N, C-alpha and C. Protein backbone atom coordinates (compact mmCIF):
# COMPACT_ATOMS: atom_id res chain seq x y z
N MET A 1 89.22 109.18 135.03
CA MET A 1 88.09 110.07 135.41
C MET A 1 87.79 111.37 134.57
N SER A 2 89.18 111.89 134.22
CA SER A 2 88.92 113.22 133.51
C SER A 2 88.10 112.90 132.18
N GLN A 3 88.32 111.84 131.60
CA GLN A 3 87.43 111.51 130.51
C GLN A 3 86.07 111.65 130.50
N ASP A 4 85.53 111.09 131.52
CA ASP A 4 84.05 110.85 131.96
C ASP A 4 83.84 112.54 132.21
N GLY A 5 84.56 113.00 133.04
CA GLY A 5 84.10 114.68 133.22
C GLY A 5 84.13 115.38 132.01
N ASN A 6 84.81 115.05 130.90
CA ASN A 6 84.91 115.92 129.55
C ASN A 6 83.79 115.32 128.77
N ASP A 7 83.21 113.99 129.07
CA ASP A 7 82.16 113.68 128.08
C ASP A 7 81.03 114.39 128.79
N THR A 8 80.93 114.59 130.13
CA THR A 8 79.73 115.32 130.68
C THR A 8 79.74 116.54 130.13
N THR A 9 80.89 117.14 130.29
CA THR A 9 81.03 118.48 129.78
C THR A 9 80.54 118.84 128.33
N ARG A 10 81.01 117.87 127.46
CA ARG A 10 80.48 117.92 126.27
C ARG A 10 79.07 117.78 125.97
N GLU A 11 78.59 116.74 126.58
CA GLU A 11 77.17 116.55 126.60
C GLU A 11 76.35 117.58 127.10
N SER A 12 76.78 118.26 127.93
CA SER A 12 76.11 119.64 128.54
C SER A 12 76.19 120.79 127.43
N ASP A 13 77.39 120.82 126.90
CA ASP A 13 77.52 121.69 125.88
C ASP A 13 76.83 121.26 124.62
N ALA A 14 76.64 120.03 124.39
CA ALA A 14 75.65 119.71 123.06
C ALA A 14 74.04 119.90 123.47
N SER A 15 73.81 119.82 124.79
CA SER A 15 72.45 120.00 125.22
C SER A 15 72.17 121.60 125.26
N ARG A 16 72.96 122.37 125.42
CA ARG A 16 72.82 123.72 125.33
C ARG A 16 72.72 124.01 123.77
N ALA A 17 73.29 123.55 122.92
CA ALA A 17 73.60 123.70 121.38
C ALA A 17 72.13 123.27 120.93
N GLU A 18 71.48 122.07 121.38
CA GLU A 18 70.39 121.58 120.94
C GLU A 18 69.02 122.62 121.42
N ASP A 19 69.52 123.15 122.66
CA ASP A 19 68.14 123.97 123.08
C ASP A 19 67.90 125.08 122.09
N ALA A 20 69.11 125.83 121.62
CA ALA A 20 68.59 126.88 120.69
C ALA A 20 69.88 126.99 119.51
N PRO A 21 69.97 126.14 118.62
CA PRO A 21 70.91 126.02 117.69
C PRO A 21 71.03 127.34 116.67
N GLU A 22 69.99 127.95 116.64
CA GLU A 22 70.13 128.99 115.72
C GLU A 22 70.63 130.43 116.27
N GLU A 23 70.65 130.19 117.77
CA GLU A 23 71.49 131.43 118.36
C GLU A 23 72.89 131.34 118.53
N LEU A 24 73.61 130.32 118.07
CA LEU A 24 75.05 130.00 118.39
C LEU A 24 75.89 130.65 117.20
N SER A 25 76.81 131.54 117.80
CA SER A 25 77.54 132.30 116.83
C SER A 25 78.56 131.04 115.95
N LEU A 26 79.20 131.87 114.89
CA LEU A 26 80.14 131.10 113.94
C LEU A 26 81.36 130.65 114.97
N GLU A 27 81.69 131.19 116.05
CA GLU A 27 82.87 131.02 116.81
C GLU A 27 82.72 129.87 117.68
N THR A 28 81.25 129.77 118.23
CA THR A 28 81.01 128.96 119.04
C THR A 28 80.64 127.48 118.43
N ARG A 29 80.26 127.53 117.28
CA ARG A 29 80.10 126.31 116.29
C ARG A 29 81.45 125.56 115.81
N LEU A 30 82.25 126.75 115.65
CA LEU A 30 83.66 126.07 115.29
C LEU A 30 84.29 125.45 116.47
N ARG A 31 84.23 126.06 117.38
CA ARG A 31 84.83 125.53 118.83
C ARG A 31 84.22 123.97 118.83
N ARG A 32 83.09 123.90 118.87
CA ARG A 32 82.22 122.65 119.14
C ARG A 32 82.55 121.60 118.34
N LEU A 33 82.65 122.08 116.83
CA LEU A 33 83.11 121.20 115.77
C LEU A 33 84.54 120.65 116.24
N ASP A 34 85.47 121.52 116.58
CA ASP A 34 86.83 121.15 117.03
C ASP A 34 86.44 120.07 118.23
N GLU A 35 85.72 120.06 119.09
CA GLU A 35 85.55 119.26 120.19
C GLU A 35 85.04 117.74 119.83
N ILE A 36 84.22 118.02 119.00
CA ILE A 36 83.39 117.03 118.20
C ILE A 36 84.44 116.09 117.39
N VAL A 37 85.29 116.47 116.59
CA VAL A 37 86.53 116.00 115.90
C VAL A 37 87.46 115.38 116.62
N SER A 38 87.72 116.03 118.06
CA SER A 38 89.09 115.47 118.84
C SER A 38 88.13 114.51 119.61
N THR A 39 87.01 114.34 119.90
CA THR A 39 86.30 113.06 120.44
C THR A 39 86.29 112.04 119.36
N LEU A 40 85.86 112.21 118.23
CA LEU A 40 85.81 110.96 117.42
C LEU A 40 87.24 110.59 116.98
N GLU A 41 88.16 111.50 116.94
CA GLU A 41 89.40 110.98 116.35
C GLU A 41 90.04 110.22 117.59
N GLY A 42 89.77 110.51 118.86
CA GLY A 42 90.14 109.61 119.85
C GLY A 42 89.91 108.08 119.93
N GLY A 43 88.82 107.83 119.06
CA GLY A 43 88.70 106.41 118.66
C GLY A 43 88.09 105.52 119.93
N GLU A 44 87.68 106.29 120.97
CA GLU A 44 87.02 105.45 122.17
C GLU A 44 85.69 105.67 122.25
N VAL A 45 85.08 106.05 121.24
CA VAL A 45 83.58 106.56 121.28
C VAL A 45 82.73 105.34 121.05
N GLU A 46 81.76 104.95 121.58
CA GLU A 46 80.67 103.95 121.07
C GLU A 46 80.20 104.46 119.99
N LEU A 47 79.31 103.58 119.09
CA LEU A 47 79.00 103.72 117.88
C LEU A 47 77.86 104.74 117.99
N GLU A 48 76.91 104.55 118.66
CA GLU A 48 75.54 105.44 118.82
C GLU A 48 76.16 106.86 119.19
N ARG A 49 77.11 106.85 120.29
CA ARG A 49 77.52 108.40 120.63
C ARG A 49 78.05 108.99 119.49
N GLY A 50 79.04 108.08 118.83
CA GLY A 50 79.70 108.62 117.56
C GLY A 50 78.73 109.05 116.52
N LEU A 51 77.84 108.33 116.24
CA LEU A 51 76.73 108.85 115.23
C LEU A 51 76.08 110.11 115.75
N ALA A 52 75.88 110.13 116.92
CA ALA A 52 75.04 111.62 117.59
C ALA A 52 76.13 112.53 117.51
N LEU A 53 77.36 112.42 117.52
CA LEU A 53 78.29 113.41 117.61
C LEU A 53 78.39 113.99 115.96
N PHE A 54 78.57 113.10 115.33
CA PHE A 54 78.40 113.15 113.85
C PHE A 54 77.45 113.73 113.37
N GLU A 55 76.16 113.62 113.43
CA GLU A 55 75.14 114.44 113.26
C GLU A 55 75.20 115.80 114.06
N GLU A 56 75.50 115.82 115.15
CA GLU A 56 75.38 117.30 115.45
C GLU A 56 76.54 118.01 114.75
N GLY A 57 77.72 117.58 114.19
CA GLY A 57 78.61 118.14 113.62
C GLY A 57 78.22 118.63 112.29
N VAL A 58 77.36 117.74 111.45
CA VAL A 58 76.90 118.13 110.40
C VAL A 58 76.07 119.37 110.69
N SER A 59 75.19 119.30 111.29
CA SER A 59 74.34 120.34 111.77
C SER A 59 75.13 121.68 111.88
N HIS A 60 76.06 121.67 112.84
CA HIS A 60 76.84 122.83 112.91
C HIS A 60 77.48 123.36 111.84
N ILE A 61 77.96 122.39 110.83
CA ILE A 61 78.51 122.83 109.64
C ILE A 61 77.51 123.41 108.61
N ARG A 62 76.43 122.91 108.73
CA ARG A 62 75.18 123.50 107.78
C ARG A 62 74.94 124.96 108.23
N GLU A 63 74.70 124.96 109.43
CA GLU A 63 74.50 126.41 110.00
C GLU A 63 75.57 127.48 109.71
N ALA A 64 76.76 126.87 110.28
CA ALA A 64 77.89 127.81 109.85
C ALA A 64 77.89 128.16 108.31
N GLU A 65 77.72 127.41 107.63
CA GLU A 65 77.73 127.85 106.10
C GLU A 65 76.47 128.73 106.09
N ALA A 66 75.36 128.50 106.59
CA ALA A 66 74.54 129.60 106.34
C ALA A 66 74.73 130.96 106.99
N LEU A 67 75.23 130.84 108.15
CA LEU A 67 75.93 132.18 108.82
C LEU A 67 76.87 132.89 107.77
N LEU A 68 77.84 132.18 107.32
CA LEU A 68 78.54 132.73 106.17
C LEU A 68 78.06 133.20 105.14
N ALA A 69 77.06 132.64 104.72
CA ALA A 69 76.42 133.07 103.32
C ALA A 69 76.13 134.45 103.73
N ARG A 70 75.06 134.59 104.87
CA ARG A 70 74.48 135.95 105.18
C ARG A 70 75.34 136.85 105.38
N ALA A 71 76.56 136.80 106.21
CA ALA A 71 77.66 137.52 106.31
C ALA A 71 77.99 138.08 104.72
N GLU A 72 78.30 137.05 103.80
CA GLU A 72 78.90 137.52 102.43
C GLU A 72 77.63 138.43 101.68
N LEU A 73 76.64 137.94 101.87
CA LEU A 73 75.34 138.70 101.06
C LEU A 73 75.43 140.19 102.05
N ARG A 74 75.53 140.27 103.05
CA ARG A 74 75.50 141.61 103.71
C ARG A 74 76.81 142.42 103.43
N VAL A 75 77.81 141.73 103.31
CA VAL A 75 79.22 142.41 102.73
C VAL A 75 78.94 142.95 101.18
N GLU A 76 78.51 142.13 100.39
CA GLU A 76 77.92 142.67 99.14
C GLU A 76 76.94 143.56 99.16
N GLU A 77 75.99 143.83 99.97
CA GLU A 77 75.08 144.88 99.95
C GLU A 77 75.85 146.17 100.42
N LEU A 78 76.56 146.17 101.42
CA LEU A 78 77.29 147.26 101.82
C LEU A 78 78.58 147.89 100.85
N VAL A 79 78.96 146.76 100.09
CA VAL A 79 79.95 147.31 99.35
C VAL A 79 79.23 147.83 98.14
N GLY A 80 78.09 147.68 97.77
CA GLY A 80 77.08 147.94 96.68
C GLY A 80 76.69 149.34 97.08
N GLU A 81 76.05 149.49 98.58
CA GLU A 81 75.80 150.69 98.83
C GLU A 81 76.77 152.01 98.79
N ALA A 82 77.99 151.50 99.39
CA ALA A 82 79.36 152.44 99.28
C ALA A 82 79.62 152.77 97.69
N GLU A 83 79.46 151.72 96.89
CA GLU A 83 79.70 152.28 95.47
C GLU A 83 78.84 153.11 94.76
N SER A 84 77.47 152.93 95.17
CA SER A 84 76.52 154.09 94.78
C SER A 84 76.41 155.29 95.25
N LEU A 85 77.19 155.24 96.53
CA LEU A 85 77.51 156.71 96.94
C LEU A 85 78.52 157.50 96.09
N GLY A 86 79.21 156.75 95.41
CA GLY A 86 80.15 157.46 94.50
C GLY A 86 81.41 158.12 95.68
N SER A 87 82.51 158.55 94.97
CA SER A 87 83.58 159.09 95.61
C SER A 87 83.33 160.86 95.87
N ARG A 88 83.54 161.40 96.80
CA ARG A 88 83.81 162.70 96.86
C ARG A 88 84.91 162.96 97.78
N PRO A 89 85.36 164.36 97.44
CA PRO A 89 86.64 164.90 98.13
C PRO A 89 86.28 165.15 99.53
N PHE A 90 87.42 164.73 100.45
CA PHE A 90 87.12 164.89 101.81
C PHE A 90 87.10 166.55 102.21
N GLU A 91 86.17 166.69 103.09
CA GLU A 91 85.88 168.01 103.37
C GLU A 91 87.48 168.68 103.84
N GLY A 92 87.61 169.76 103.61
CA GLY A 92 88.82 170.65 103.86
C GLY A 92 90.11 170.25 102.97
N GLU A 93 89.90 169.21 101.94
CA GLU A 93 90.78 168.67 101.21
C GLU A 93 90.82 169.87 99.80
N GLU A 94 92.25 170.25 99.60
CA GLU A 94 92.35 171.33 98.22
C GLU A 94 92.02 170.41 96.95
N GLU A 95 91.16 170.95 96.23
CA GLU A 95 90.82 170.29 94.87
C GLU A 95 91.93 170.87 93.89
């Protein structure tokens, strides 16, 4: 019975993910990927359900990579801005 309950919960999570996939955080995507992997590794998933989960997982991976790429770009921008400011002595610091 708990297996059915978990599938229902996972399906509702998947429905929410499909409603607004671009709004999911990296952490949410990684948690969902863990759920998908656990379900698929369990080996008791019908073919169509397995394919749907696999497809959802690939989508989460692609979006997670895009999130990470944007974060990396932003960090590079911030580091570049900081470097362009140069260093200056701390106020109150004796030279």
